[in-house]
């Protein structure tokens, strides 16, 4: 059987109540002891003073009868002789029996104590006037306050402890409830979010507290989840759309060869099937690369000299179109070498495909960024299509679409790689042709 509350609000309230009981209980005990000791000390001092004044007057023979009472009847004074006979007293003690039957011995002439009976308790001071066997004894007695004798003080302090502890628990309940209210709103919103609709977000409280951070983190997680789901849907859509054509062509060629083997040129059929297979392989490879890039950030970092990477790629291609106008050795970045090679390759493939005579490549270090610029002298791209060319399988109706033998994923892959490295890939203004600019953080 579990006795521990499951609710954070209930647990915090219980802890606050227990702590309040301990703290206020300790304070109440200290107050009780302080009041008791202080009251008893004050009463004892007053009683001792009255008794010693009367004893001194008895010794020097100046005590008047009845005994003067300076306390207004609050302190009772009696002079008692041997045998317990009251010889003299204050008016308030007149006609009363001896305040006590305790008789101070010769060795301890002064004795004080608290004596209780059915009528209450009294602080008593007894002074043996002399050491003679027949010496009288002076008794002074002061009744103890009722709130100390009856236990009323402890009852009042106990009630105060319970009230304060209850108040502390109630305040804690309200404060924790108000504090956790945004958490409940976040939980309710998360419960309503389903896989079919990931566009909703949890409410974000103002400030920089823990709950605000929790809400922001939850929304960031939902953003990543939505992007991942969108990538999966995009992948499925792209794959089903783009793979259908080469698969249909491959199937048609194979069916034609199977149905009319005598009328089919086997070499042509094989070459056509290989072309379709190559295109299928390219599309699948690019789609898988896009899906892999989109699943998370870059983990295998290394420092890369962007200028050296560009120079090596240009030399390997050996194309007369490619001209490096500037290679800044200070342009060093951090990332995955093979992905940056793929990004550069896609940009150069695109530039070579559409350039007339020249492709200029420039690498520079500007402020906190490494900037790679690839500019061709081709027909250029209309401003309205500058963002469309980075979409998957985009086909423009301009001269730049001629002879397009790629998968239509090159620029989409290049931008995804740039973003995965914390950079940007954009198409900027150029006097002629297209000018692609890659910006990456310096390593």
Protein backbone atom coordinates (compact mmCIF):
# COMPACT_ATOMS: atom_id res chain seq x y z
CA UNK A 1 0.00 0.00 0.00
CA UNK A 2 1.49 3.31 -1.10
CA UNK A 3 1.10 6.17 1.34
CA UNK A 4 3.24 8.63 -0.58
CA UNK A 5 1.13 11.11 -2.58
CA UNK A 6 1.64 10.85 -6.32
CA UNK A 7 0.92 14.51 -7.01
CA UNK A 8 3.83 16.94 -6.83
CA UNK A 9 1.42 19.49 -5.41
CA UNK A 10 0.29 17.10 -2.65
CA UNK A 11 3.86 16.02 -1.88
CA UNK A 12 5.09 19.60 -1.58
CA UNK A 13 2.12 20.50 0.60
CA UNK A 14 2.74 17.51 2.87
CA UNK A 15 6.43 18.36 3.18
CA UNK A 16 5.58 22.00 3.94
CA UNK A 17 3.05 20.94 6.58
CA UNK A 18 5.52 18.58 8.27
CA UNK A 19 8.28 21.18 8.24
CA UNK A 20 5.87 23.82 9.58
CA UNK A 21 4.84 21.48 12.40
CA UNK A 22 8.48 20.84 13.30
CA UNK A 23 9.51 24.49 13.12
CA UNK A 24 6.47 25.98 14.82
CA UNK A 25 6.42 23.12 17.33
CA UNK A 26 10.03 23.83 18.27
CA UNK A 27 9.27 27.53 18.56
CA UNK A 28 6.20 26.76 20.72
CA UNK A 29 8.28 24.58 23.09
CA UNK A 30 10.87 27.33 23.38
CA UNK A 31 8.16 29.95 24.03
CA UNK A 32 6.49 27.71 26.62
CA UNK A 33 9.74 27.13 28.48
CA UNK A 34 10.62 30.81 28.27
CA UNK A 35 7.26 31.98 29.61
CA UNK A 36 7.28 29.40 32.39
CA UNK A 37 10.82 30.09 33.51
CA UNK A 38 10.37 33.86 33.24
CA UNK A 39 7.09 33.87 35.17
CA UNK A 40 8.43 31.59 37.89
CA UNK A 41 11.59 33.65 38.22
CA UNK A 42 9.61 36.88 38.54
CA UNK A 43 7.21 35.42 41.11
CA UNK A 44 10.06 33.86 43.07
CA UNK A 45 11.90 37.20 43.17
CA UNK A 46 8.82 39.05 44.44
CA UNK A 47 8.08 36.35 47.02
CA UNK A 48 11.67 36.25 48.27
CA UNK A 49 11.74 40.03 48.63
CA UNK A 50 8.51 40.11 50.68
CA UNK A 51 9.60 37.21 52.91
CA UNK A 52 13.01 38.66 53.62
CA UNK A 53 11.61 42.07 54.47
CA UNK A 54 9.22 40.48 57.01
CA UNK A 55 11.98 38.27 58.42
CA UNK A 56 14.25 41.28 58.91
CA UNK A 57 11.47 43.17 60.67
CA UNK A 58 10.89 40.19 62.99
CA UNK A 59 14.58 40.02 63.85
CA UNK A 60 14.90 43.71 64.70
CA UNK A 61 11.49 43.89 66.38
CA UNK A 62 9.99 46.47 64.04
CA UNK A 63 7.30 44.26 62.48
CA UNK A 64 3.86 45.81 62.95
CA UNK A 65 0.60 43.91 63.23
CA UNK A 66 -1.02 43.22 60.95
CA UNK A 67 1.93 42.81 58.57
CA UNK A 68 1.96 45.60 55.96
CA UNK A 69 0.95 44.39 52.50
CA UNK A 70 2.55 46.25 49.58
CA UNK A 71 1.27 43.82 46.94
CA UNK A 72 -2.41 44.54 47.31
CA UNK A 73 -3.17 41.13 48.73
CA UNK A 74 -1.43 39.21 45.96
CA UNK A 75 1.44 38.00 48.21
CA UNK A 76 0.39 36.24 51.44
CA UNK A 77 2.75 36.60 54.45
CA UNK A 78 2.54 34.71 57.70
CA UNK A 79 4.67 34.49 60.87
CA UNK A 80 4.26 30.97 62.25
CA UNK A 81 5.52 29.79 65.62
CA UNK A 82 6.50 26.28 66.70
CA UNK A 83 3.56 23.96 66.60
CA UNK A 84 2.10 25.58 63.52
CA UNK A 85 0.36 28.49 65.22
CA UNK A 86 -0.02 31.61 63.06
CA UNK A 87 1.31 34.55 65.10
CA UNK A 88 0.78 37.32 62.60
CA UNK A 89 -0.09 37.79 58.92
CA UNK A 90 -1.05 40.23 56.22
CA UNK A 91 -4.76 41.08 56.01
CA UNK A 92 -5.22 38.80 53.00
CA UNK A 93 -3.78 35.82 54.91
CA UNK A 94 -5.71 36.51 58.12
CA UNK A 95 -7.66 33.50 59.38
CA UNK A 96 -5.94 31.09 56.96
CA UNK A 97 -4.09 28.02 58.15
CA UNK A 98 -0.31 28.01 57.74
CA UNK A 99 0.70 28.31 54.10
CA UNK A 100 2.75 25.13 54.46
CA UNK A 101 3.57 22.45 56.99
CA UNK A 102 7.13 22.27 55.76
CA UNK A 103 9.48 23.56 58.52
CA UNK A 104 12.93 24.77 57.51
CA UNK A 105 15.69 23.05 59.46
CA UNK A 106 18.48 24.96 61.25
CA UNK A 107 20.98 23.95 58.56
CA UNK A 108 18.81 25.45 55.76
CA UNK A 109 17.12 28.52 57.17
CA UNK A 110 15.86 29.75 53.77
CA UNK A 111 13.85 27.40 51.60
CA UNK A 112 11.61 28.05 48.52
CA UNK A 113 9.41 25.68 46.53
CA UNK A 114 6.12 25.37 44.63
CA UNK A 115 3.35 23.66 46.54
CA UNK A 116 0.09 22.54 44.95
CA UNK A 117 -3.28 21.47 46.36
CA UNK A 118 -6.86 21.37 45.19
CA UNK A 119 -7.05 25.16 45.11
CA UNK A 120 -4.04 25.59 42.87
CA UNK A 121 -0.29 26.06 43.14
CA UNK A 122 1.69 28.62 45.11
CA UNK A 123 5.30 29.78 45.12
CA UNK A 124 6.39 29.71 48.80
CA UNK A 125 9.43 31.18 50.47
CA UNK A 126 10.08 29.99 54.11
CA UNK A 127 12.68 31.75 56.26
CA UNK A 128 13.68 30.56 59.74
CA UNK A 129 14.30 33.84 61.55
CA UNK A 130 17.02 32.53 63.90
CA UNK A 131 18.85 29.30 64.58
CA UNK A 132 17.19 28.91 67.98
CA UNK A 133 15.08 25.76 68.42
CA UNK A 134 11.96 27.85 69.17
CA UNK A 135 12.52 30.29 66.25
CA UNK A 136 9.51 31.43 64.32
CA UNK A 137 9.27 30.96 60.58
CA UNK A 138 8.18 33.60 58.10
CA UNK A 139 6.17 32.25 55.16
CA UNK A 140 5.51 34.25 51.99
CA UNK A 141 3.37 32.75 49.25
CA UNK A 142 2.28 33.95 45.82
CA UNK A 143 -0.35 32.02 43.80
CA UNK A 144 0.90 30.82 40.41
CA UNK A 145 -1.00 32.12 37.32
CA UNK A 146 -3.81 29.85 36.21
CA UNK A 147 -2.62 29.59 32.58
CA UNK A 148 0.59 27.94 33.82
CA UNK A 149 -0.98 25.68 36.41
CA UNK A 150 -3.92 24.50 34.27
CA UNK A 151 -1.91 23.83 31.08
CA UNK A 152 -3.81 26.54 29.21
CA UNK A 153 -0.52 27.94 27.91
CA UNK A 154 0.36 24.63 26.21
CA UNK A 155 -3.15 24.35 24.75
CA UNK A 156 -2.96 27.86 23.29
CA UNK A 157 0.51 27.24 21.86
CA UNK A 158 -0.63 23.91 20.39
CA UNK A 159 -3.62 25.54 18.72
CA UNK A 160 -1.35 28.28 17.35
CA UNK A 161 1.02 25.65 15.94
CA UNK A 162 -1.85 23.83 14.21
CA UNK A 163 -3.27 27.05 12.78
CA UNK A 164 0.12 28.24 11.49
CA UNK A 165 0.94 24.80 10.05
CA UNK A 166 -2.43 24.62 8.33
CA UNK A 167 -1.94 28.12 6.96
CA UNK A 168 1.53 27.17 5.67
CA UNK A 169 0.11 24.05 4.00
CA UNK A 170 -2.70 26.06 2.39
CA UNK A 171 -0.29 28.73 1.12
CA UNK A 172 2.02 26.02 -0.24
CA UNK A 173 -0.94 24.32 -1.95
CA UNK A 174 -1.97 27.56 -3.63
CA UNK A 175 1.55 28.61 -4.63
CA UNK A 176 2.51 25.19 -6.00
CA UNK A 177 -0.81 24.97 -7.82
CA UNK A 178 -0.25 28.35 -9.43
CA UNK A 179 3.33 27.41 -10.27
CA UNK A 180 2.31 24.10 -11.84
CA UNK A 181 -0.63 25.56 -13.74
CA UNK A 182 1.52 26.14 -16.88
CA UNK A 183 2.76 22.55 -16.59
CA UNK A 184 -0.83 21.31 -16.65
CA UNK A 185 -1.48 23.47 -19.70
CA UNK A 186 1.60 22.00 -21.38
CA UNK A 187 0.50 18.45 -20.50
CA UNK A 188 -3.03 19.03 -21.80
CA UNK A 189 -1.71 20.48 -25.06
CA UNK A 190 0.75 17.62 -25.54
CA UNK A 191 -2.07 15.13 -24.94
CA UNK A 192 -4.04 16.67 -27.82
CA UNK A 193 -1.14 16.56 -30.30
CA UNK A 194 -1.32 13.56 -32.59
CA UNK A 195 0.86 12.18 -35.33
CA UNK A 196 -1.53 13.50 -37.96
CA UNK A 197 -1.23 17.09 -36.73
CA UNK A 198 2.15 18.14 -35.35
CA UNK A 199 1.70 21.84 -36.07
CA UNK A 200 0.31 22.67 -32.61
CA UNK A 201 2.63 23.97 -29.88
CA UNK A 202 2.45 24.17 -26.11
CA UNK A 203 1.97 27.57 -24.45
CA UNK A 204 5.21 29.24 -23.37
CA UNK A 205 5.10 31.20 -20.09
CA UNK A 206 6.96 34.49 -19.98
CA UNK A 207 10.38 34.71 -18.32
CA UNK A 208 13.38 32.42 -18.10
CA UNK A 209 12.23 30.06 -15.35
CA UNK A 210 12.39 26.28 -15.41
CA UNK A 211 8.82 25.90 -16.67
CA UNK A 212 9.41 28.43 -19.45
CA UNK A 213 12.54 26.51 -20.44
CA UNK A 214 10.52 23.27 -20.37
CA UNK A 215 7.90 24.76 -22.68
CA UNK A 216 10.52 26.08 -25.09
CA UNK A 217 12.33 22.74 -25.09
CA UNK A 218 9.03 20.91 -25.73
CA UNK A 219 8.27 23.20 -28.66
CA UNK A 220 11.77 22.75 -30.05
CA UNK A 221 11.32 19.00 -29.79
CA UNK A 222 7.97 19.26 -31.56
CA UNK A 223 9.63 21.36 -34.27
CA UNK A 224 12.25 18.67 -34.81
CA UNK A 225 9.61 15.95 -34.74
CA UNK A 226 7.44 17.80 -37.24
CA UNK A 227 10.40 18.31 -39.55
CA UNK A 228 11.36 14.64 -39.25
CA UNK A 229 7.80 13.51 -40.01
CA UNK A 230 7.61 15.97 -42.89
CA UNK A 231 10.87 14.60 -44.25
CA UNK A 232 9.51 11.09 -44.08
CA UNK A 233 6.37 12.12 -45.90
CA UNK A 234 8.41 14.07 -48.45
CA UNK A 235 10.69 11.09 -48.93
CA UNK A 236 7.74 8.77 -49.50
CA UNK A 237 6.12 11.25 -51.88
CA UNK A 238 9.34 11.93 -53.79
CA UNK A 239 10.23 8.27 -54.01
CA UNK A 240 6.78 7.20 -55.24
CA UNK A 241 6.69 10.06 -57.76
CA UNK A 242 10.20 9.97 -59.19
CA UNK A 243 10.76 6.23 -59.14
CA UNK A 244 7.55 5.49 -61.00
CA UNK A 245 8.81 6.74 -64.38
CA UNK A 246 12.11 4.81 -64.65
CA UNK A 247 10.50 1.70 -63.17
CA UNK A 248 7.67 1.94 -65.70
CA UNK A 249 10.16 2.38 -68.54
CA UNK A 250 12.28 -0.53 -67.34
CA UNK A 251 9.21 -2.74 -66.99
CA UNK A 252 7.94 -1.78 -70.44
CA UNK A 253 11.28 -2.63 -72.06
CA UNK A 254 11.52 -5.95 -70.26
CA UNK A 255 7.91 -6.88 -71.05
CA UNK A 256 8.42 -5.97 -74.70
CA UNK A 257 11.57 -8.07 -74.84
CA UNK A 258 9.78 -10.97 -73.13
CA UNK A 259 6.71 -10.80 -75.41
CA UNK A 260 8.61 -10.26 -78.68
CA UNK A 261 12.05 -11.76 -78.23
CA UNK A 262 12.58 -12.20 -81.98
CA UNK A 263 11.78 -8.56 -82.74
CA UNK A 264 13.86 -7.12 -79.89
CA UNK A 265 17.47 -6.00 -80.15
CA UNK A 266 18.93 -7.52 -77.02
CA UNK A 267 21.82 -5.04 -76.80
CA UNK A 268 19.47 -2.04 -77.09
CA UNK A 269 17.16 -3.52 -74.45
CA UNK A 270 20.03 -4.15 -72.05
CA UNK A 271 21.47 -0.67 -72.56
CA UNK A 272 18.03 0.90 -72.02
CA UNK A 273 17.53 -1.19 -68.87
CA UNK A 274 20.96 -0.18 -67.59
CA UNK A 275 20.15 3.50 -68.18
CA UNK A 276 16.91 3.16 -66.26
CA UNK A 277 18.72 1.22 -63.52
CA UNK A 278 21.41 3.89 -63.27
CA UNK A 279 18.76 6.57 -62.94
CA UNK A 280 16.95 4.54 -60.29
CA UNK A 281 20.21 4.10 -58.38
CA UNK A 282 20.98 7.82 -58.56
CA UNK A 283 17.52 8.81 -57.37
CA UNK A 284 17.54 6.31 -54.48
CA UNK A 285 21.05 7.38 -53.44
CA UNK A 286 20.11 11.06 -53.44
CA UNK A 287 16.86 10.45 -51.56
CA UNK A 288 18.62 8.41 -48.91
CA UNK A 289 21.26 11.12 -48.56
CA UNK A 290 18.56 13.76 -48.10
CA UNK A 291 16.82 11.65 -45.47
CA UNK A 292 20.10 10.98 -43.65
CA UNK A 293 21.10 14.65 -43.62
CA UNK A 294 17.74 15.63 -42.18
CA UNK A 295 17.78 13.19 -39.22
CA UNK A 296 20.18 15.20 -37.05
CA UNK A 297 23.09 17.56 -36.77
CA UNK A 298 26.67 17.02 -37.74
CA UNK A 299 28.51 14.71 -35.34
CA UNK A 300 31.78 13.72 -37.02
CA UNK A 301 33.44 17.14 -37.18
CA UNK A 302 36.88 17.81 -38.55
CA UNK A 303 38.67 20.96 -39.58
CA UNK A 304 38.53 21.43 -43.33
CA UNK A 305 40.51 23.85 -45.49
CA UNK A 306 37.76 24.98 -47.85
CA UNK A 307 40.22 26.53 -50.31
CA UNK A 308 42.26 23.32 -50.53
CA UNK A 309 39.07 21.29 -50.93
CA UNK A 310 37.92 23.47 -53.84
CA UNK A 311 41.36 23.43 -55.47
CA UNK A 312 41.54 19.63 -55.29
CA UNK A 313 38.06 19.22 -56.77
CA UNK A 314 38.78 21.59 -59.66
CA UNK A 315 42.07 19.86 -60.47
CA UNK A 316 40.40 16.47 -60.38
CA UNK A 317 37.73 17.55 -62.85
CA UNK A 318 40.28 19.05 -65.28
CA UNK A 319 37.58 21.12 -66.99
CA UNK A 320 38.60 24.17 -68.98
CA UNK A 321 35.40 25.90 -67.87
CA UNK A 322 36.39 26.02 -64.19
CA UNK A 323 38.53 28.96 -63.12
CA UNK A 324 39.56 29.69 -59.52
CA UNK A 325 39.82 33.46 -59.13
CA UNK A 326 40.58 33.42 -55.37
CA UNK A 327 41.38 30.72 -52.82
CA UNK A 328 41.82 32.19 -49.32
CA UNK A 329 43.77 29.76 -47.05
CA UNK A 330 42.15 31.36 -43.98
CA UNK A 331 38.74 29.97 -44.97
CA UNK A 332 38.73 26.94 -42.67
CA UNK A 333 35.49 25.34 -41.49
CA UNK A 334 34.41 22.35 -39.40
CA UNK A 335 32.17 19.62 -40.74
CA UNK A 336 31.92 16.32 -42.59
CA UNK A 337 34.39 16.26 -45.49
CA UNK A 338 32.40 13.89 -47.71
CA UNK A 339 29.25 15.96 -47.39
CA UNK A 340 31.06 19.19 -48.24
CA UNK A 341 32.66 17.43 -51.22
CA UNK A 342 29.16 16.41 -52.34
CA UNK A 343 27.88 19.97 -51.90
CA UNK A 344 30.76 21.41 -53.94
CA UNK A 345 30.34 18.72 -56.59
CA UNK A 346 26.64 19.48 -56.99
CA UNK A 347 27.33 23.22 -57.40
CA UNK A 348 30.06 22.60 -59.97
CA UNK A 349 27.92 20.06 -61.85
CA UNK A 350 25.11 22.60 -62.07
CA UNK A 351 27.45 25.40 -63.18
CA UNK A 352 29.20 23.28 -65.82
CA UNK A 353 25.87 22.08 -67.18
CA UNK A 354 24.57 25.58 -67.85
CA UNK A 355 27.73 27.67 -68.43
CA UNK A 356 28.60 28.95 -71.89
CA UNK A 357 32.36 29.44 -71.58
CA UNK A 358 33.39 30.06 -67.95
CA UNK A 359 32.68 29.18 -64.33
CA UNK A 360 34.39 31.35 -61.74
CA UNK A 361 35.05 29.94 -58.25
CA UNK A 362 36.07 32.08 -55.30
CA UNK A 363 36.78 31.17 -51.64
CA UNK A 364 37.18 33.97 -49.09
CA UNK A 365 37.15 34.48 -45.32
CA UNK A 366 34.83 37.34 -44.37
CA UNK A 367 34.43 38.27 -40.69
CA UNK A 368 33.21 35.05 -39.05
CA UNK A 369 32.24 33.24 -42.24
CA UNK A 370 33.87 31.29 -45.00
CA UNK A 371 32.27 32.25 -48.34
CA UNK A 372 32.29 30.04 -51.43
CA UNK A 373 31.03 31.63 -54.66
CA UNK A 374 30.32 29.70 -57.88
CA UNK A 375 29.33 31.90 -60.84
CA UNK A 376 28.56 30.71 -64.38
CA UNK A 377 28.02 32.78 -67.53
CA UNK A 378 24.93 30.92 -68.68
CA UNK A 379 21.36 32.08 -69.22
CA UNK A 380 20.73 32.81 -65.56
CA UNK A 381 17.61 32.24 -63.48
CA UNK A 382 14.56 34.46 -63.16
CA UNK A 383 14.21 36.11 -59.71
CA UNK A 384 10.86 34.36 -59.21
CA UNK A 385 12.52 30.95 -59.55
CA UNK A 386 15.48 31.54 -57.23
CA UNK A 387 13.92 29.64 -54.35
CA UNK A 388 12.17 27.04 -56.47
CA UNK A 389 15.43 25.63 -57.79
CA UNK A 390 16.29 24.44 -54.27
CA UNK A 391 13.10 22.38 -54.10
CA UNK A 392 13.25 18.68 -54.83
CA UNK A 393 12.74 17.58 -58.45
CA UNK A 394 12.19 21.13 -59.66
CA UNK A 395 12.15 21.49 -63.47
CA UNK A 396 12.35 25.02 -64.86
CA UNK A 397 10.92 25.87 -68.24
CA UNK A 398 13.90 28.04 -69.05
CA UNK A 399 17.03 27.30 -71.04
CA UNK A 400 18.67 26.04 -67.83
CA UNK A 401 16.58 22.86 -68.04
CA UNK A 402 18.00 21.71 -71.29
CA UNK A 403 19.71 18.41 -71.24
CA UNK A 404 19.05 17.93 -67.57
CA UNK A 405 20.36 14.48 -66.95
CA UNK A 406 20.45 14.67 -63.15
CA UNK A 407 17.92 13.57 -60.60
CA UNK A 408 16.67 17.07 -59.84
CA UNK A 409 17.95 16.74 -56.27
CA UNK A 410 21.42 18.26 -56.56
CA UNK A 411 20.66 21.78 -55.33
CA UNK A 412 18.22 20.49 -52.69
CA UNK A 413 20.97 18.24 -51.33
CA UNK A 414 23.49 21.11 -51.42
CA UNK A 415 21.22 23.40 -49.38
CA UNK A 416 20.44 20.63 -46.88
CA UNK A 417 24.16 20.01 -46.35
CA UNK A 418 24.78 23.75 -45.90
CA UNK A 419 22.03 24.04 -43.31
CA UNK A 420 23.23 20.92 -41.50
CA UNK A 421 26.63 22.66 -41.14
CA UNK A 422 25.04 25.81 -39.74
CA UNK A 423 25.42 27.70 -43.02
CA UNK A 424 23.37 29.12 -45.89
CA UNK A 425 23.25 28.50 -49.63
CA UNK A 426 21.54 31.16 -51.72
CA UNK A 427 21.35 32.46 -55.27
CA UNK A 428 22.47 36.09 -55.46
CA UNK A 429 22.44 38.77 -58.15
CA UNK A 430 24.93 38.48 -60.97
CA UNK A 431 25.48 40.56 -64.17
CA UNK A 432 25.16 37.36 -66.18
CA UNK A 433 24.40 33.73 -65.43
CA UNK A 434 23.79 32.34 -61.96
CA UNK A 435 25.79 33.14 -58.84
CA UNK A 436 25.54 30.59 -55.99
CA UNK A 437 26.94 31.73 -52.62
CA UNK A 438 27.67 29.34 -49.75
CA UNK A 439 28.31 30.80 -46.28
CA UNK A 440 29.67 28.59 -43.49
CA UNK A 441 30.87 29.50 -39.98
CA UNK A 442 34.64 29.68 -39.73
CA UNK A 443 36.15 26.78 -37.81
